[in-house]
């Protein structure tokens, strides 16, 4: 009888130990779930644009920091070759749509964006771009319009989107509008600190900030833009990291695409180097804040870029095969908790679902 009781006690202790271990594993898994998400988009950035950083950059490429890598099919619902509006909508809503449409499904019905969904969970949100903040990619994260060129309508929707940090161009869509309204006054009424000159330091992390510093997009990097993208990324992280509930930040390197359209090698290298500088800020943040998921990708490839033989065996040259977007697969790089979800081959819309899954695990 004593032997039976002793055996039962041992089994009970083993079960308790197992349950305790499982509980600890679940707690650990919960603690490892990402609280913050930084989503960086190199507009027009495909594998060859990234390859340039391994030949033209004097120091180590920031892409070397990533171990989890996947590839996305960038096609829209209507075209094998997407535009930035449809691609941005796929990222932001988890659904493919028609080219030029923003925040709408294929039937032009409105879709909730990841920004609005995470705001409901208490997340702070931010958008950084060097194009107009009303341009296709940033607009995809808060606006719902049938055509990307409706930038005055998009600006109006941004005013009510309650985004905590905004940085980019597009000032004329706020204060030089056809309807005569000055939307900067609306932003002030919504308690935004507004700067129309440059990125200034965050003074009060409880305020909302809107840095809208050019009528359209900012200048090209090699023509005087300075460190706006890096500085805006740094200030956005300073502001948003004060959130107790986590944050979502989208950062766009807009002009990698423009360099492809222009078939301009110098332009492309300058924009890729600038994007890497912003990446360095984000990567350093993840080192200090390991509860952060960092995702870096392009919305599509532009220029049909290839890196080939140069003038000697020790040189390479950038070639452009077109001045348009292509249907090339685009790489996805992920770092931090949940990053393993981003391996493999999938569609651009799946990035939205993978982010949600990473935050829910």
Protein backbone atom coordinates (compact mmCIF):
# COMPACT_ATOMS: atom_id res chain seq x y z
CA UNK A 1 0.00 0.00 0.00
CA UNK A 2 2.84 2.38 0.91
CA UNK A 3 4.51 1.57 -2.37
CA UNK A 4 1.35 2.47 -4.29
CA UNK A 5 0.97 5.78 -2.38
CA UNK A 6 4.65 6.59 -2.93
CA UNK A 7 4.32 5.92 -6.65
CA UNK A 8 1.21 8.12 -6.86
CA UNK A 9 3.06 10.91 -5.05
CA UNK A 10 5.94 10.70 -7.50
CA UNK A 11 3.55 10.81 -10.47
CA UNK A 12 1.70 13.79 -8.94
CA UNK A 13 4.94 15.68 -8.42
CA UNK A 14 5.99 14.92 -11.98
CA UNK A 15 2.67 16.22 -13.31
CA UNK A 16 2.91 19.35 -11.19
CA UNK A 17 6.44 19.89 -12.40
CA UNK A 18 5.32 19.40 -15.99
CA UNK A 19 2.41 21.81 -15.57
CA UNK A 20 4.68 24.36 -13.92
CA UNK A 21 7.17 23.97 -16.76
CA UNK A 22 4.44 24.41 -19.37
CA UNK A 23 3.16 27.46 -17.49
CA UNK A 24 6.64 28.96 -17.48
CA UNK A 25 7.03 28.22 -21.18
CA UNK A 26 3.70 29.95 -21.93
CA UNK A 27 4.69 32.93 -19.78
CA UNK A 28 8.07 33.13 -21.49
CA UNK A 29 6.43 32.90 -24.92
CA UNK A 30 4.03 35.68 -23.95
CA UNK A 31 6.90 37.83 -22.71
CA UNK A 32 8.75 37.27 -25.99
CA UNK A 33 5.83 38.52 -28.08
CA UNK A 34 6.70 41.77 -29.84
CA UNK A 35 5.27 44.89 -28.27
CA UNK A 36 6.67 47.27 -30.89
CA UNK A 37 6.66 46.98 -34.69
CA UNK A 38 8.93 48.95 -37.04
CA UNK A 39 7.96 48.38 -40.68
CA UNK A 40 10.45 49.85 -43.16
CA UNK A 41 9.55 50.02 -46.86
CA UNK A 42 12.07 50.80 -49.55
CA UNK A 43 9.75 51.93 -52.32
CA UNK A 44 10.93 50.28 -55.55
CA UNK A 45 13.60 48.27 -53.68
CA UNK A 46 14.25 44.80 -55.08
CA UNK A 47 17.09 42.34 -54.62
CA UNK A 48 19.44 44.17 -57.02
CA UNK A 49 18.95 47.51 -55.26
CA UNK A 50 19.90 45.74 -52.02
CA UNK A 51 22.87 44.10 -53.75
CA UNK A 52 24.33 47.54 -54.47
CA UNK A 53 24.92 48.01 -50.76
CA UNK A 54 27.35 45.08 -50.76
CA UNK A 55 29.45 46.71 -53.51
CA UNK A 56 29.01 50.46 -53.20
CA UNK A 57 28.91 50.93 -49.44
CA UNK A 58 32.27 51.34 -47.74
CA UNK A 59 31.16 49.77 -44.46
CA UNK A 60 29.15 46.64 -43.72
CA UNK A 61 25.59 46.65 -45.03
CA UNK A 62 22.79 46.83 -42.46
CA UNK A 63 21.16 43.91 -44.27
CA UNK A 64 23.85 41.68 -42.73
CA UNK A 65 22.03 41.98 -39.40
CA UNK A 66 19.13 39.82 -40.59
CA UNK A 67 18.85 36.04 -40.44
CA UNK A 68 15.15 35.60 -41.25
CA UNK A 69 14.52 36.28 -44.94
CA UNK A 70 11.55 35.64 -47.22
CA UNK A 71 10.23 36.71 -50.63
CA UNK A 72 6.92 38.27 -51.62
CA UNK A 73 4.86 38.25 -54.78
CA UNK A 74 3.98 41.92 -55.24
CA UNK A 75 1.20 41.63 -57.86
CA UNK A 76 -2.03 43.52 -57.20
CA UNK A 77 -5.54 42.10 -57.53
CA UNK A 78 -5.82 43.48 -61.07
CA UNK A 79 -2.27 43.67 -62.41
CA UNK A 80 0.77 41.40 -62.39
CA UNK A 81 2.81 44.60 -62.01
CA UNK A 82 1.55 46.57 -59.02
CA UNK A 83 1.71 50.26 -58.24
CA UNK A 84 2.56 51.65 -54.80
CA UNK A 85 -1.08 52.31 -53.88
CA UNK A 86 -2.18 48.69 -54.31
CA UNK A 87 1.04 47.38 -52.77
CA UNK A 88 0.74 49.69 -49.76
CA UNK A 89 -2.89 48.70 -49.30
CA UNK A 90 -1.92 45.02 -49.27
CA UNK A 91 0.66 45.71 -46.54
CA UNK A 92 -1.72 47.86 -44.50
CA UNK A 93 -4.95 45.86 -44.78
CA UNK A 94 -4.07 42.27 -45.64
CA UNK A 95 -6.03 42.39 -48.91
CA UNK A 96 -4.93 42.90 -52.49
CA UNK A 97 -6.73 45.61 -54.41
CA UNK A 98 -6.73 47.39 -57.77
CA UNK A 99 -3.89 49.60 -58.93
CA UNK A 100 -4.24 53.24 -57.80
CA UNK A 101 -6.76 52.34 -55.10
CA UNK A 102 -5.90 53.08 -51.46
CA UNK A 103 -7.46 51.41 -48.41
CA UNK A 104 -10.26 49.80 -50.44
CA UNK A 105 -11.02 46.25 -51.49
CA UNK A 106 -11.50 45.17 -55.09
CA UNK A 107 -15.13 46.36 -54.93
CA UNK A 108 -14.06 49.79 -53.60
CA UNK A 109 -15.37 49.05 -50.11
CA UNK A 110 -13.32 50.51 -47.22
CA UNK A 111 -10.88 48.31 -45.33
CA UNK A 112 -9.57 48.84 -41.79
CA UNK A 113 -5.78 49.38 -41.72
CA UNK A 114 -3.30 47.87 -39.32
CA UNK A 115 -2.83 51.39 -37.91
CA UNK A 116 -6.49 51.74 -36.94
CA UNK A 117 -6.64 48.19 -35.59
CA UNK A 118 -3.57 48.63 -33.38
CA UNK A 119 -4.79 52.03 -32.20
CA UNK A 120 -7.85 50.21 -30.83
CA UNK A 121 -5.44 48.02 -28.85
CA UNK A 122 -3.83 51.10 -27.33
CA UNK A 123 -0.82 51.28 -29.63
CA UNK A 124 0.75 54.57 -30.58
CA UNK A 125 1.38 54.93 -34.32
CA UNK A 126 3.75 56.81 -36.60
CA UNK A 127 4.42 57.38 -40.30
CA UNK A 128 7.68 58.66 -41.79
CA UNK A 129 8.30 59.36 -45.48
CA UNK A 130 10.43 61.61 -47.67
CA UNK A 131 7.62 61.91 -50.19
CA UNK A 132 4.39 63.70 -49.37
CA UNK A 133 2.70 62.16 -46.33
CA UNK A 134 -0.33 61.96 -48.61
CA UNK A 135 1.55 59.90 -51.21
CA UNK A 136 0.49 56.35 -52.05
CA UNK A 137 2.55 54.32 -49.56
CA UNK A 138 2.04 56.34 -46.35
CA UNK A 139 -1.59 57.08 -47.33
CA UNK A 140 -2.30 53.34 -47.51
CA UNK A 141 -1.96 53.15 -43.73
CA UNK A 142 -4.77 55.61 -42.96
CA UNK A 143 -6.73 56.69 -46.06
CA UNK A 144 -9.53 55.22 -48.20
CA UNK A 145 -9.81 56.68 -51.72
CA UNK A 146 -10.44 55.28 -55.20
CA UNK A 147 -7.44 57.09 -56.70
CA UNK A 148 -4.05 57.90 -55.22
CA UNK A 149 -4.02 61.36 -56.81
CA UNK A 150 -6.83 62.55 -54.49
CA UNK A 151 -4.21 64.00 -52.16
CA UNK A 152 -6.33 66.83 -50.77
CA UNK A 153 -8.94 64.26 -49.71
CA UNK A 154 -6.17 62.08 -48.29
CA UNK A 155 -4.81 65.03 -46.28
CA UNK A 156 -8.26 65.59 -44.81
CA UNK A 157 -8.40 61.95 -43.76
CA UNK A 158 -4.96 62.21 -42.16
CA UNK A 159 -6.22 64.99 -39.87
CA UNK A 160 -8.77 62.61 -38.36
CA UNK A 161 -6.53 59.49 -38.37
CA UNK A 162 -5.13 60.26 -34.87
CA UNK A 163 -1.58 59.20 -35.79
CA UNK A 164 0.86 60.19 -33.06
CA UNK A 165 3.91 61.01 -35.20
CA UNK A 166 3.88 62.20 -38.82
CA UNK A 167 6.91 63.26 -40.85
CA UNK A 168 7.33 64.01 -44.55
CA UNK A 169 6.29 66.46 -47.25
CA UNK A 170 2.95 67.44 -48.76
CA UNK A 171 2.41 70.79 -47.03
CA UNK A 172 0.44 72.28 -49.93
CA UNK A 173 -2.29 69.66 -49.50
CA UNK A 174 -2.89 71.07 -46.02
CA UNK A 175 -2.51 74.84 -46.38
CA UNK A 176 -2.82 75.64 -50.12
CA UNK A 177 -5.96 73.73 -50.87
CA UNK A 178 -8.55 74.30 -53.58
CA UNK A 179 -11.27 74.56 -50.90
CA UNK A 180 -9.35 77.32 -49.07
CA UNK A 181 -9.20 75.40 -45.79
CA UNK A 182 -6.03 75.35 -43.73
CA UNK A 183 -5.82 71.85 -42.29
CA UNK A 184 -2.83 72.85 -40.15
CA UNK A 185 -5.34 74.65 -37.96
CA UNK A 186 -7.28 71.39 -37.62
CA UNK A 187 -4.09 69.59 -36.61
CA UNK A 188 -3.36 72.28 -34.02
CA UNK A 189 -6.90 71.91 -32.67
CA UNK A 190 -6.19 68.17 -32.36
CA UNK A 191 -3.19 69.05 -30.17
CA UNK A 192 -0.41 68.41 -32.68
CA UNK A 193 2.93 70.15 -32.38
CA UNK A 194 3.56 71.24 -35.98
CA UNK A 195 6.89 72.03 -37.62
CA UNK A 196 6.99 73.06 -41.28
CA UNK A 197 10.76 73.68 -41.42
CA UNK A 198 12.66 70.60 -40.24
CA UNK A 199 12.81 67.78 -37.72
CA UNK A 200 13.14 69.32 -34.27
CA UNK A 201 13.78 67.39 -31.03
CA UNK A 202 10.85 65.86 -29.19
CA UNK A 203 10.25 67.95 -26.06
CA UNK A 204 7.10 66.39 -24.62
CA UNK A 205 6.52 62.72 -25.37
CA UNK A 206 2.83 63.02 -24.51
CA UNK A 207 2.21 65.41 -27.44
CA UNK A 208 1.46 64.40 -31.03
CA UNK A 209 3.86 65.66 -33.70
CA UNK A 210 3.49 66.57 -37.38
CA UNK A 211 6.65 67.51 -39.28
CA UNK A 212 5.39 68.50 -42.75
CA UNK A 213 8.38 70.26 -44.20
CA UNK A 214 7.98 70.59 -48.00
CA UNK A 215 5.17 71.50 -50.38
CA UNK A 216 5.53 68.16 -52.21
CA UNK A 217 8.25 65.62 -51.56
CA UNK A 218 11.60 66.52 -50.04
CA UNK A 219 14.70 67.00 -52.23
CA UNK A 220 16.72 64.05 -53.47
CA UNK A 221 19.42 62.92 -51.07
CA UNK A 222 22.33 63.83 -53.38
CA UNK A 223 20.71 67.22 -54.03
CA UNK A 224 20.53 68.50 -50.49
CA UNK A 225 17.95 66.60 -48.43
CA UNK A 226 20.32 65.99 -45.57
CA UNK A 227 19.55 63.42 -42.87
CA UNK A 228 15.80 63.91 -42.70
CA UNK A 229 14.92 60.20 -42.97
CA UNK A 230 17.39 59.13 -40.30
CA UNK A 231 16.52 62.03 -37.99
CA UNK A 232 12.76 61.54 -38.42
CA UNK A 233 13.13 57.83 -37.65
CA UNK A 234 15.12 58.64 -34.52
CA UNK A 235 12.61 61.23 -33.29
CA UNK A 236 9.68 58.93 -34.08
CA UNK A 237 11.23 56.19 -31.94
CA UNK A 238 11.91 58.68 -29.15
CA UNK A 239 8.27 59.76 -29.16
CA UNK A 240 6.60 56.38 -29.69
CA UNK A 241 8.78 54.37 -27.30
CA UNK A 242 7.18 56.28 -24.42
CA UNK A 243 4.01 54.27 -25.05
CA UNK A 244 3.26 51.68 -22.38
CA UNK A 245 1.17 49.63 -24.81
CA UNK A 246 3.65 49.43 -27.68
CA UNK A 247 3.78 51.18 -31.03
CA UNK A 248 3.64 50.68 -34.80
CA UNK A 249 5.96 52.78 -36.97
CA UNK A 250 6.11 52.75 -40.78
CA UNK A 251 9.19 54.30 -42.40
CA UNK A 252 9.38 54.71 -46.18
CA UNK A 253 12.48 55.29 -48.30
CA UNK A 254 10.42 56.78 -51.11
CA UNK A 255 12.94 57.75 -53.75
CA UNK A 256 14.58 54.40 -54.42
CA UNK A 257 11.59 54.06 -56.72
CA UNK A 258 12.17 57.49 -58.27
CA UNK A 259 15.80 56.58 -59.04
CA UNK A 260 14.58 53.50 -60.90
CA UNK A 261 12.12 55.55 -62.91
CA UNK A 262 14.92 58.00 -63.74
CA UNK A 263 17.38 55.18 -64.55
CA UNK A 264 19.91 57.12 -62.50
CA UNK A 265 22.76 55.21 -60.84
CA UNK A 266 23.98 58.08 -58.62
CA UNK A 267 20.43 58.79 -57.46
CA UNK A 268 19.85 55.11 -56.62
CA UNK A 269 23.04 54.68 -54.60
CA UNK A 270 22.39 57.89 -52.63
CA UNK A 271 18.86 56.80 -51.72
CA UNK A 272 19.91 53.28 -50.76
CA UNK A 273 22.68 54.64 -48.52
CA UNK A 274 20.16 57.01 -46.90
CA UNK A 275 17.72 54.16 -46.32
CA UNK A 276 20.53 52.14 -44.71
CA UNK A 277 21.25 55.05 -42.35
CA UNK A 278 17.61 54.96 -41.22
CA UNK A 279 17.82 51.17 -40.91
CA UNK A 280 20.85 51.58 -38.64
CA UNK A 281 18.75 53.71 -36.28
CA UNK A 282 16.01 51.07 -36.22
CA UNK A 283 18.45 48.19 -35.72
CA UNK A 284 20.15 49.97 -32.83
CA UNK A 285 16.72 50.51 -31.28
CA UNK A 286 15.98 46.77 -31.49
CA UNK A 287 19.24 46.04 -29.68
CA UNK A 288 18.17 48.29 -26.80
CA UNK A 289 14.54 47.13 -27.02
CA UNK A 290 14.51 43.40 -27.87
CA UNK A 291 10.71 43.33 -27.64
CA UNK A 292 10.64 45.03 -31.05
CA UNK A 293 9.89 43.33 -34.37
CA UNK A 294 11.66 44.99 -37.31
CA UNK A 295 10.53 44.21 -40.87
CA UNK A 296 12.28 45.61 -43.96
CA UNK A 297 11.03 45.10 -47.50
CA UNK A 298 10.11 46.82 -50.75
CA UNK A 299 6.62 47.33 -52.14
CA UNK A 300 7.82 46.37 -55.65
CA UNK A 301 10.95 46.60 -57.77
CA UNK A 302 11.51 49.57 -60.10
CA UNK A 303 13.88 49.81 -63.05
CA UNK A 304 14.58 46.14 -63.73
CA UNK A 305 17.91 46.78 -62.01
CA UNK A 306 20.82 44.39 -62.33
CA UNK A 307 24.39 44.60 -61.03
CA UNK A 308 26.80 43.43 -63.70
CA UNK A 309 30.27 43.66 -65.12
CA UNK A 310 31.96 47.03 -64.93
CA UNK A 311 34.97 48.46 -66.71
CA UNK A 312 37.40 46.04 -65.08
CA UNK A 313 37.29 42.71 -63.25
CA UNK A 314 37.25 44.59 -59.93
CA UNK A 315 34.28 46.82 -60.79
CA UNK A 316 30.54 46.37 -61.12
CA UNK A 317 28.02 48.56 -62.89
CA UNK A 318 24.31 49.19 -62.33
CA UNK A 319 22.11 48.50 -65.34
CA UNK A 320 18.47 49.55 -65.78
CA UNK A 321 16.33 47.38 -68.04
CA UNK A 322 13.24 49.61 -67.85
CA UNK A 323 12.02 52.85 -66.30
CA UNK A 324 8.88 51.16 -64.94
CA UNK A 325 7.89 48.85 -62.09
CA UNK A 326 8.52 45.13 -62.57
CA UNK A 327 6.89 41.94 -61.30
CA UNK A 328 10.09 40.72 -59.62
CA UNK A 329 9.80 38.93 -56.29
CA UNK A 330 10.97 41.23 -53.48
CA UNK A 331 12.89 40.11 -50.37
CA UNK A 332 11.56 40.55 -46.82
CA UNK A 333 13.95 40.85 -43.87
CA UNK A 334 12.78 40.38 -40.28
CA UNK A 335 14.48 40.70 -36.92
CA UNK A 336 13.20 40.23 -33.39
CA UNK A 337 10.37 38.23 -31.81
CA UNK A 338 8.05 36.77 -34.44
CA UNK A 339 10.65 37.16 -37.19
CA UNK A 340 10.56 33.45 -38.07
CA UNK A 341 7.04 33.98 -39.45
CA UNK A 342 8.48 35.97 -42.34
CA UNK A 343 10.56 33.19 -43.89
CA UNK A 344 9.52 31.53 -47.15
CA UNK A 345 7.58 32.64 -50.22
CA UNK A 346 4.23 34.39 -49.86
CA UNK A 347 2.14 37.33 -51.08
CA UNK A 348 2.55 40.96 -50.03
CA UNK A 349 -0.84 40.89 -48.27
CA UNK A 350 0.44 38.17 -45.95
CA UNK A 351 2.80 40.59 -44.21
CA UNK A 352 -0.21 42.20 -42.52
CA UNK A 353 -1.42 38.80 -41.25
CA UNK A 354 2.06 37.81 -40.09
CA UNK A 355 2.38 41.02 -38.06
CA UNK A 356 -1.01 40.41 -36.43
CA UNK A 357 -0.02 36.79 -35.71
CA UNK A 358 3.28 37.89 -34.20
CA UNK A 359 1.48 40.32 -31.91
CA UNK A 360 -1.11 37.73 -30.91
CA UNK A 361 1.18 34.77 -30.15
